[in-house]
Amino acid sequence: MKRAPRIAAFTAAAALTLVLTPSAAQAVTAPASMSPQHGACGWTPANNSGASGFVLQSSNVLNDRWLGCPAVTNVGAQDSVPVRCVHSGDTVAGNSNWYYIAGRGNIIGWIPAAYVSVDSGWTVATC
């Protein structure tokens, strides 16, 4: 008789622990088995504010603003990134805003706004 595979329980608190735990590459994603509680991943807004910013800490760049969405690339601390627009998503480090950026390899995705500092003088458009 075959046993059914065990599925690990994953809570929002566990996801936040992943986000806030220091490491060489900051984990911002949940296990692939977790479906986003806010709908499908992969929203691609057309806005481009042309703002510029830099990354405050290494992080994965996700394909949407929810912690359960998959990573598409990553960014390192002090990387310069174009910030296309801002929209609300899951709260990370007390901030529910997420920036739509171009990460490494010019791959576009989402990063918590708490991890990016927008350069002085720029206004980020709402997605």
C-alpha atoms as a PDB file:
ATOM      1  CA  MET A   1       0.000   0.000   0.000  1.00  0.00           C
ATOM      2  CA  LYS A   2       1.351   3.404  -1.025  1.00  0.00           C
ATOM      3  CA  ARG A   3       1.323   6.244   1.437  1.00  0.00           C
ATOM      4  CA  ALA A   4       0.158   9.677   0.441  1.00  0.00           C
ATOM      5  CA  PRO A   5       2.970  12.252   0.514  1.00  0.00           C
ATOM      6  CA  ARG A   6       3.034  14.550   3.518  1.00  0.00           C
ATOM      7  CA  ILE A   7       2.321  18.181   2.848  1.00  0.00           C
ATOM      8  CA  ALA A   8       4.031  20.602   5.177  1.00  0.00           C
ATOM      9  CA  ALA A   9       1.839  23.200   6.793  1.00  0.00           C
ATOM     10  CA  PHE A  10       2.875  26.725   5.877  1.00  0.00           C
ATOM     11  CA  THR A  11       1.413  29.773   7.563  1.00  0.00           C
ATOM     12  CA  ALA A  12       1.665  33.493   6.936  1.00  0.00           C
ATOM     13  CA  ALA A  13       3.715  33.725  10.134  1.00  0.00           C
ATOM     14  CA  ALA A  14       6.177  31.183   8.745  1.00  0.00           C
ATOM     15  CA  ALA A  15       6.404  33.152   5.488  1.00  0.00           C
ATOM     16  CA  LEU A  16       7.131  36.331   7.427  1.00  0.00           C
ATOM     17  CA  THR A  17       9.813  34.492   9.396  1.00  0.00           C
ATOM     18  CA  LEU A  18      11.438  33.530   6.093  1.00  0.00           C
ATOM     19  CA  VAL A  19      11.342  37.136   4.945  1.00  0.00           C
ATOM     20  CA  LEU A  20      12.790  38.589   8.121  1.00  0.00           C
ATOM     21  CA  THR A  21      15.485  35.984   8.762  1.00  0.00           C
ATOM     22  CA  PRO A  22      18.901  37.337   7.702  1.00  0.00           C
ATOM     23  CA  SER A  23      20.752  35.270   5.116  1.00  0.00           C
ATOM     24  CA  ALA A  24      23.035  35.703   2.128  1.00  0.00           C
ATOM     25  CA  ALA A  25      20.038  35.717  -0.242  1.00  0.00           C
ATOM     26  CA  GLN A  26      16.909  36.849   1.534  1.00  0.00           C
ATOM     27  CA  ALA A  27      14.084  34.347   1.068  1.00  0.00           C
ATOM     28  CA  VAL A  28      10.792  35.934   0.139  1.00  0.00           C
ATOM     29  CA  THR A  29       9.017  32.948  -1.344  1.00  0.00           C
ATOM     30  CA  ALA A  30       6.904  30.259   0.220  1.00  0.00           C
ATOM     31  CA  PRO A  31       7.073  26.609  -0.838  1.00  0.00           C
ATOM     32  CA  ALA A  32       5.730  25.981  -4.341  1.00  0.00           C
ATOM     33  CA  SER A  33       2.947  23.864  -2.843  1.00  0.00           C
ATOM     34  CA  MET A  34       1.409  26.946  -1.234  1.00  0.00           C
ATOM     35  CA  SER A  35      -1.152  28.658  -3.426  1.00  0.00           C
ATOM     36  CA  PRO A  36      -1.416  32.429  -3.068  1.00  0.00           C
ATOM     37  CA  GLN A  37      -4.373  33.420  -0.944  1.00  0.00           C
ATOM     38  CA  HIS A  38      -5.032  36.510  -3.042  1.00  0.00           C
ATOM     39  CA  GLY A  39      -5.541  34.948  -6.466  1.00  0.00           C
ATOM     40  CA  ALA A  40      -3.288  33.927  -9.314  1.00  0.00           C
ATOM     41  CA  CYS A  41       0.338  35.009  -9.553  1.00  0.00           C
ATOM     42  CA  GLY A  42       1.800  36.743 -12.567  1.00  0.00           C
ATOM     43  CA  TRP A  43       0.185  40.203 -12.846  1.00  0.00           C
ATOM     44  CA  THR A  44       2.198  42.363 -15.258  1.00  0.00           C
ATOM     45  CA  PRO A  45       1.268  46.057 -15.092  1.00  0.00           C
ATOM     46  CA  ALA A  46       2.059  48.315 -18.043  1.00  0.00           C
ATOM     47  CA  ASN A  47       3.055  51.380 -15.989  1.00  0.00           C
ATOM     48  CA  ASN A  48       6.651  52.574 -16.038  1.00  0.00           C
ATOM     49  CA  SER A  49       7.441  55.576 -13.866  1.00  0.00           C
ATOM     50  CA  GLY A  50      11.106  55.539 -14.882  1.00  0.00           C
ATOM     51  CA  ALA A  51      12.128  55.940 -11.227  1.00  0.00           C
ATOM     52  CA  SER A  52      15.487  54.732  -9.986  1.00  0.00           C
ATOM     53  CA  GLY A  53      16.326  53.033  -6.709  1.00  0.00           C
ATOM     54  CA  PHE A  54      18.728  50.701  -4.957  1.00  0.00           C
ATOM     55  CA  VAL A  55      18.224  47.477  -3.065  1.00  0.00           C
ATOM     56  CA  LEU A  56      18.687  47.651   0.709  1.00  0.00           C
ATOM     57  CA  GLN A  57      19.057  43.893   1.238  1.00  0.00           C
ATOM     58  CA  SER A  58      19.396  40.852  -1.002  1.00  0.00           C
ATOM     59  CA  SER A  59      16.056  39.392  -2.014  1.00  0.00           C
ATOM     60  CA  ASN A  60      14.230  37.215  -4.486  1.00  0.00           C
ATOM     61  CA  VAL A  61      12.153  39.027  -7.085  1.00  0.00           C
ATOM     62  CA  LEU A  62       8.707  37.413  -7.363  1.00  0.00           C
ATOM     63  CA  ASN A  63       6.294  37.218 -10.280  1.00  0.00           C
ATOM     64  CA  ASP A  64       3.583  38.962  -8.190  1.00  0.00           C
ATOM     65  CA  ARG A  65       3.038  40.756  -4.877  1.00  0.00           C
ATOM     66  CA  TRP A  66       2.128  37.711  -2.777  1.00  0.00           C
ATOM     67  CA  LEU A  67       4.582  35.669  -0.702  1.00  0.00           C
ATOM     68  CA  GLY A  68       3.318  32.414  -2.258  1.00  0.00           C
ATOM     69  CA  CYS A  69       4.304  33.466  -5.797  1.00  0.00           C
ATOM     70  CA  PRO A  70       7.434  32.021  -7.436  1.00  0.00           C
ATOM     71  CA  ALA A  71      10.746  33.865  -7.755  1.00  0.00           C
ATOM     72  CA  VAL A  72      11.789  34.958 -11.256  1.00  0.00           C
ATOM     73  CA  THR A  73      15.240  36.343 -10.391  1.00  0.00           C
ATOM     74  CA  ASN A  74      17.051  37.911  -7.450  1.00  0.00           C
ATOM     75  CA  VAL A  75      18.795  41.136  -6.519  1.00  0.00           C
ATOM     76  CA  GLY A  76      21.699  41.856  -4.220  1.00  0.00           C
ATOM     77  CA  ALA A  77      22.154  44.535  -1.596  1.00  0.00           C
ATOM     78  CA  GLN A  78      23.183  47.847  -3.204  1.00  0.00           C
ATOM     79  CA  ASP A  79      22.043  46.755  -6.711  1.00  0.00           C
ATOM     80  CA  SER A  80      20.670  49.700  -8.687  1.00  0.00           C
ATOM     81  CA  VAL A  81      17.184  48.924 -10.062  1.00  0.00           C
ATOM     82  CA  PRO A  82      14.670  50.745 -12.235  1.00  0.00           C
ATOM     83  CA  VAL A  83      11.397  51.047 -10.293  1.00  0.00           C
ATOM     84  CA  ARG A  84       8.459  50.885 -12.701  1.00  0.00           C
ATOM     85  CA  CYS A  85       5.471  51.241 -10.335  1.00  0.00           C
ATOM     86  CA  VAL A  86       4.103  50.494  -6.839  1.00  0.00           C
ATOM     87  CA  HIS A  87       1.077  48.475  -5.694  1.00  0.00           C
ATOM     88  CA  SER A  88      -0.094  46.911  -2.443  1.00  0.00           C
ATOM     89  CA  GLY A  89       0.440  43.240  -1.668  1.00  0.00           C
ATOM     90  CA  ASP A  90       1.390  41.066   1.286  1.00  0.00           C
ATOM     91  CA  THR A  91       2.856  43.002   4.208  1.00  0.00           C
ATOM     92  CA  VAL A  92       6.603  42.571   4.662  1.00  0.00           C
ATOM     93  CA  ALA A  93       8.491  44.302   7.483  1.00  0.00           C
ATOM     94  CA  GLY A  94       5.411  46.400   8.265  1.00  0.00           C
ATOM     95  CA  ASN A  95       4.996  47.680   4.682  1.00  0.00           C
ATOM     96  CA  SER A  96       2.305  46.423   2.264  1.00  0.00           C
ATOM     97  CA  ASN A  97       3.720  48.226  -0.797  1.00  0.00           C
ATOM     98  CA  TRP A  98       5.594  46.291  -3.472  1.00  0.00           C
ATOM     99  CA  TYR A  99       7.693  47.732  -6.305  1.00  0.00           C
ATOM    100  CA  TYR A 100       7.576  46.380  -9.832  1.00  0.00           C
ATOM    101  CA  ILE A 101      11.260  46.424 -10.840  1.00  0.00           C
ATOM    102  CA  ALA A 102      13.695  45.131 -13.418  1.00  0.00           C
ATOM    103  CA  GLY A 103      16.050  42.764 -11.593  1.00  0.00           C
ATOM    104  CA  ARG A 104      19.160  40.886 -12.711  1.00  0.00           C
ATOM    105  CA  GLY A 105      19.171  40.062 -16.392  1.00  0.00           C
ATOM    106  CA  ASN A 106      16.553  42.812 -16.821  1.00  0.00           C
ATOM    107  CA  ILE A 107      13.904  40.314 -15.672  1.00  0.00           C
ATOM    108  CA  ILE A 108      10.872  42.212 -14.391  1.00  0.00           C
ATOM    109  CA  GLY A 109       9.128  41.255 -11.158  1.00  0.00           C
ATOM    110  CA  TRP A 110       8.006  42.348  -7.686  1.00  0.00           C
ATOM    111  CA  ILE A 111      10.004  43.126  -4.542  1.00  0.00           C
ATOM    112  CA  PRO A 112       8.756  44.388  -1.160  1.00  0.00           C
ATOM    113  CA  ALA A 113       9.094  48.176  -0.975  1.00  0.00           C
ATOM    114  CA  ALA A 114      10.720  47.705   2.436  1.00  0.00           C
ATOM    115  CA  TYR A 115      13.777  46.311   0.582  1.00  0.00           C
ATOM    116  CA  VAL A 116      14.228  49.206  -1.895  1.00  0.00           C
ATOM    117  CA  SER A 117      15.120  52.863  -1.458  1.00  0.00           C
ATOM    118  CA  VAL A 118      13.852  55.068  -4.293  1.00  0.00           C
ATOM    119  CA  ASP A 119      16.366  57.737  -5.261  1.00  0.00           C
ATOM    120  CA  SER A 120      15.612  61.274  -4.116  1.00  0.00           C
ATOM    121  CA  GLY A 121      13.533  63.320  -6.539  1.00  0.00           C
ATOM    122  CA  TRP A 122      11.714  60.350  -8.126  1.00  0.00           C
ATOM    123  CA  THR A 123       7.998  59.685  -7.798  1.00  0.00           C
ATOM    124  CA  VAL A 124       6.905  56.094  -8.321  1.00  0.00           C
ATOM    125  CA  ALA A 125       3.678  55.699 -10.312  1.00  0.00           C
ATOM    126  CA  THR A 126       0.871  53.544  -8.942  1.00  0.00           C
ATOM    127  CA  CYS A 127       0.401  50.348 -10.959  1.00  0.00           C
END
